[in-house]
Protein backbone atom coordinates (compact mmCIF):
# COMPACT_ATOMS: atom_id res chain seq x y z
CA UNK A 1 26.58 -69.15 11.47
CA UNK A 2 25.87 -65.74 13.04
CA UNK A 3 28.47 -63.30 13.16
CA UNK A 4 29.34 -60.55 15.45
CA UNK A 5 29.88 -57.00 13.65
CA UNK A 6 29.42 -53.57 14.95
CA UNK A 7 27.70 -54.61 18.06
CA UNK A 8 24.84 -56.61 16.36
CA UNK A 9 24.71 -60.26 14.81
CA UNK A 10 24.69 -60.85 11.45
CA UNK A 11 22.32 -63.44 9.89
CA UNK A 12 23.80 -65.67 7.36
CA UNK A 13 21.05 -68.05 6.66
CA UNK A 14 17.73 -69.30 8.01
CA UNK A 15 18.90 -70.90 11.18
CA UNK A 16 20.30 -67.64 12.11
CA UNK A 17 17.19 -65.78 11.47
CA UNK A 18 15.21 -68.59 13.71
CA UNK A 19 18.13 -68.06 16.31
CA UNK A 20 17.48 -64.09 16.02
CA UNK A 21 13.75 -64.01 15.94
CA UNK A 22 13.40 -66.56 19.00
CA UNK A 23 15.54 -63.92 20.74
CA UNK A 24 13.68 -60.62 19.47
CA UNK A 25 10.37 -61.93 19.72
CA UNK A 26 9.02 -60.41 16.92
CA UNK A 27 9.79 -58.59 13.39
CA UNK A 28 8.39 -56.84 10.80
CA UNK A 29 9.69 -58.43 7.20
CA UNK A 30 10.26 -55.09 5.86
CA UNK A 31 12.21 -52.19 6.84
CA UNK A 32 10.35 -51.71 10.15
CA UNK A 33 9.70 -48.24 9.33
CA UNK A 34 12.32 -47.14 10.92
CA UNK A 35 11.73 -48.85 14.17
CA UNK A 36 13.19 -52.40 14.25
CA UNK A 37 13.55 -54.84 11.69
CA UNK A 38 15.84 -58.31 11.45
CA UNK A 39 16.50 -57.27 7.83
CA UNK A 40 19.02 -55.22 8.73
CA UNK A 41 21.21 -57.78 10.08
CA UNK A 42 20.83 -59.76 7.14
CA UNK A 43 24.41 -60.64 5.54
CA UNK A 44 25.21 -60.16 1.92
CA UNK A 45 24.34 -63.81 1.02
CA UNK A 46 20.91 -63.00 1.96
CA UNK A 47 18.91 -62.38 -1.25
CA UNK A 48 15.04 -62.41 -1.89
CA UNK A 49 13.15 -63.91 -4.72
CA UNK A 50 16.15 -66.41 -5.43
CA UNK A 51 14.08 -69.62 -4.25
CA UNK A 52 16.94 -70.90 -2.24
CA UNK A 53 15.38 -71.74 1.13
CA UNK A 54 18.18 -71.08 3.31
CA UNK A 55 19.25 -67.43 2.06
CA UNK A 56 15.96 -66.31 0.62
CA UNK A 57 13.86 -64.64 3.31
CA UNK A 58 10.65 -64.74 0.98
CA UNK A 59 11.10 -68.50 1.50
CA UNK A 60 11.34 -68.05 5.13
CA UNK A 61 8.03 -66.91 5.59
CA UNK A 62 6.44 -70.21 4.52
CA UNK A 63 9.56 -72.17 6.19
CA UNK A 64 8.58 -71.21 9.64
CA UNK A 65 4.94 -72.43 9.28
CA UNK A 66 6.00 -75.92 7.78
CA UNK A 67 8.67 -76.41 10.30
CA UNK A 68 7.71 -74.77 13.38
CA UNK A 69 4.49 -74.34 15.48
CA UNK A 70 5.74 -71.52 17.86
CA UNK A 71 6.01 -68.56 15.11
CA UNK A 72 3.24 -67.02 13.55
CA UNK A 73 3.27 -65.08 10.07
CA UNK A 74 0.93 -62.66 8.57
CA UNK A 75 0.26 -59.08 7.95
CA UNK A 76 0.65 -57.82 11.27
CA UNK A 77 2.98 -54.40 11.14
CA UNK A 78 1.86 -51.48 9.36
CA UNK A 79 -0.53 -53.66 7.21
CA UNK A 80 2.63 -55.41 5.77
CA UNK A 81 4.08 -59.03 6.50
CA UNK A 82 5.80 -59.70 10.09
CA UNK A 83 6.62 -62.78 12.36
CA UNK A 84 5.55 -63.32 15.98
CA UNK A 85 7.01 -65.95 18.68
CA UNK A 86 4.66 -67.85 20.67
CA UNK A 87 5.98 -66.39 23.55
CA UNK A 88 5.03 -62.55 22.48
CA UNK A 89 1.91 -63.49 20.88
CA UNK A 90 -0.46 -62.86 23.90
CA UNK A 91 0.70 -59.50 24.53
CA UNK A 92 -0.14 -58.49 20.81
CA UNK A 93 -3.28 -60.28 20.98
CA UNK A 94 -4.06 -58.57 24.45
CA UNK A 95 -2.85 -55.09 22.88
CA UNK A 96 -4.83 -55.79 19.49
CA UNK A 97 -8.04 -57.29 20.60
CA UNK A 98 -8.19 -55.49 23.81
CA UNK A 99 -9.85 -58.74 25.10
CA UNK A 100 -12.74 -58.54 22.53
CA UNK A 101 -13.98 -61.56 20.57
CA UNK A 102 -14.76 -61.28 17.09
CA UNK A 103 -18.30 -61.09 17.93
CA UNK A 104 -17.42 -58.04 20.54
CA UNK A 105 -15.71 -56.31 17.78
CA UNK A 106 -18.34 -56.67 15.25
CA UNK A 107 -20.97 -55.87 17.59
CA UNK A 108 -18.84 -52.73 18.75
CA UNK A 109 -19.11 -51.47 15.09
CA UNK A 110 -14.84 -52.02 14.85
CA UNK A 111 -15.35 -54.72 12.37
CA UNK A 112 -17.57 -54.21 9.36
CA UNK A 113 -20.07 -56.59 7.81
CA UNK A 114 -17.68 -56.94 4.83
CA UNK A 115 -14.90 -58.39 7.32
CA UNK A 116 -17.46 -60.52 8.92
CA UNK A 117 -18.10 -62.17 5.30
CA UNK A 118 -14.60 -63.30 5.07
CA UNK A 119 -14.16 -64.19 8.71
CA UNK A 120 -17.11 -66.57 8.61
CA UNK A 121 -15.76 -68.46 5.60
CA UNK A 122 -12.42 -69.16 6.93
CA UNK A 123 -13.86 -70.17 10.53
CA UNK A 124 -16.04 -72.34 9.16
CA UNK A 125 -12.90 -74.35 7.88
CA UNK A 126 -9.63 -75.73 9.67
CA UNK A 127 -7.65 -74.09 7.00
CA UNK A 128 -8.35 -72.70 3.59
CA UNK A 129 -6.72 -71.36 0.69
CA UNK A 130 -7.31 -67.95 -0.57
CA UNK A 131 -9.09 -68.85 -3.94
CA UNK A 132 -11.53 -71.31 -2.06
CA UNK A 133 -12.42 -68.31 0.78
CA UNK A 134 -13.30 -66.10 -2.37
CA UNK A 135 -15.21 -69.29 -4.11
CA UNK A 136 -17.15 -70.36 -0.90
CA UNK A 137 -17.97 -66.43 -0.10
CA UNK A 138 -18.97 -66.15 -3.45
CA UNK A 139 -16.78 -62.87 -3.81
CA UNK A 140 -16.73 -61.46 -7.32
CA UNK A 141 -14.06 -59.60 -9.29
CA UNK A 142 -15.56 -56.35 -8.24
CA UNK A 143 -15.03 -57.06 -4.51
CA UNK A 144 -11.25 -57.68 -4.92
CA UNK A 145 -10.27 -54.59 -3.47
CA UNK A 146 -12.64 -54.75 -0.54
CA UNK A 147 -11.73 -58.52 -0.02
CA UNK A 148 -7.89 -57.55 0.20
CA UNK A 149 -8.44 -54.67 2.52
CA UNK A 150 -10.96 -57.01 4.84
CA UNK A 151 -8.43 -59.63 4.80
CA UNK A 152 -5.25 -57.39 6.00
CA UNK A 153 -7.87 -56.17 8.43
CA UNK A 154 -8.64 -59.31 9.94
CA UNK A 155 -4.92 -59.96 9.98
CA UNK A 156 -4.03 -56.69 11.77
CA UNK A 157 -6.46 -57.32 14.37
CA UNK A 158 -5.32 -60.81 15.05
CA UNK A 159 -8.50 -62.79 14.30
CA UNK A 160 -7.28 -64.43 11.11
CA UNK A 161 -3.52 -65.57 10.45
CA UNK A 162 -1.63 -67.09 7.57
CA UNK A 163 -0.97 -71.07 8.17
CA UNK A 164 0.66 -72.16 5.01
CA UNK A 165 0.55 -72.34 1.31
CA UNK A 166 -0.95 -75.03 -0.96
CA UNK A 167 0.88 -75.88 -4.31
CA UNK A 168 -0.79 -76.14 -7.64
CA UNK A 169 1.46 -79.59 -8.43
CA UNK A 170 2.68 -82.52 -6.40
CA UNK A 171 5.99 -81.54 -6.79
CA UNK A 172 5.89 -78.39 -4.39
CA UNK A 173 7.26 -76.24 -7.08
CA UNK A 174 6.16 -73.11 -8.99
CA UNK A 175 2.86 -71.10 -8.55
CA UNK A 176 1.09 -71.74 -4.82
CA UNK A 177 -1.78 -69.81 -3.06
CA UNK A 178 -1.99 -68.91 0.56
CA UNK A 179 -3.72 -70.80 3.22
CA UNK A 180 -5.63 -69.19 5.88
CA UNK A 181 -7.23 -69.96 9.45
CA UNK A 182 -8.36 -68.14 12.33
CA UNK A 183 -5.86 -67.49 15.11
CA UNK A 184 -7.68 -69.66 17.54
CA UNK A 185 -6.87 -72.61 15.09
CA UNK A 186 -3.49 -71.61 14.82
CA UNK A 187 -2.36 -71.69 18.41
CA UNK A 188 -3.47 -73.55 21.46
CA UNK A 189 -5.84 -72.35 24.23
CA UNK A 190 -2.70 -71.35 26.59
CA UNK A 191 -2.05 -68.48 24.24
CA UNK A 192 -5.33 -66.87 24.65
CA UNK A 193 -5.62 -67.78 28.26
CA UNK A 194 -2.55 -66.06 28.91
CA UNK A 195 -3.75 -62.86 26.84
CA UNK A 196 -6.96 -62.78 28.70
CA UNK A 197 -4.92 -62.36 31.68
CA UNK A 198 -2.55 -59.58 30.30
CA UNK A 199 -4.49 -56.00 30.31
CA UNK A 200 -4.33 -53.82 26.98
CA UNK A 201 -2.21 -51.35 28.97
CA UNK A 202 0.23 -53.92 30.28
CA UNK A 203 0.65 -55.39 27.07
CA UNK A 204 1.36 -52.20 25.50
CA UNK A 205 3.87 -51.43 28.16
CA UNK A 206 5.67 -54.55 28.02
CA UNK A 207 6.25 -54.41 24.13
CA UNK A 208 7.09 -50.88 24.00
CA UNK A 209 9.65 -51.55 26.71
CA UNK A 210 11.28 -54.40 24.71
CA UNK A 211 11.11 -52.58 21.37
CA UNK A 212 13.57 -49.85 23.07
CA UNK A 213 15.59 -52.47 24.18
CA UNK A 214 16.03 -53.06 20.47
CA UNK A 215 16.00 -49.60 19.17
CA UNK A 216 16.54 -47.15 22.04
CA UNK A 217 16.03 -44.14 19.67
CA UNK A 218 12.60 -45.38 18.17
CA UNK A 219 10.05 -42.73 17.44
CA UNK A 220 7.44 -43.38 20.10
CA UNK A 221 4.43 -42.68 17.60
CA UNK A 222 5.53 -45.14 14.84
CA UNK A 223 6.16 -47.66 18.10
CA UNK A 224 2.65 -47.45 19.12
CA UNK A 225 1.50 -47.90 15.51
CA UNK A 226 3.71 -51.17 15.39
CA UNK A 227 1.95 -52.20 18.55
CA UNK A 228 -1.88 -51.54 17.81
CA UNK A 229 -1.83 -51.41 14.26
């Protein structure tokens, strides 16, 4: 259960985390660079890498994708993992994309050719595991660093998102690979229609105001970096 303490709510298990996330709208999964993160509310029973689905926050990344359709997960904050609810996703779309399609961004030169190669492989599939992206795109071992940077950039720009995981065995234990898709394949058109109605300045203003309700002392430059990537 959520326990009050010191003016905040202590997160004791997965349901608490979801309840808190739906209230805050988004959260980095790390420290949040001193701006905001639900990890600061974890109780002592929340321990990462135990593989306990109810109390391991590392497992929660995938649980939200497997059990819900209103929360997106990807490397969206400070080039690290974060979660954004469906309610707030249009605002981040408007802020990050500025109304530009992927083709617009590529033509404008803000997306590079290597990112385009990765994106086109993902777009051609409904959902595609990471090893298959490398295989279909014929990315070599020498491409690894550029590939990793491109994949993060596509997530930060909110053209690609993580949509699940694929296990190597039927017991759904042990090794798994990340599965990705385009953001357009993850959310329905209503999310994008709303984003189109929101200007970039309005989106940044709304998110900024919300962040300051969560942390009135947040550093403005870091807030802008969280919002715009």
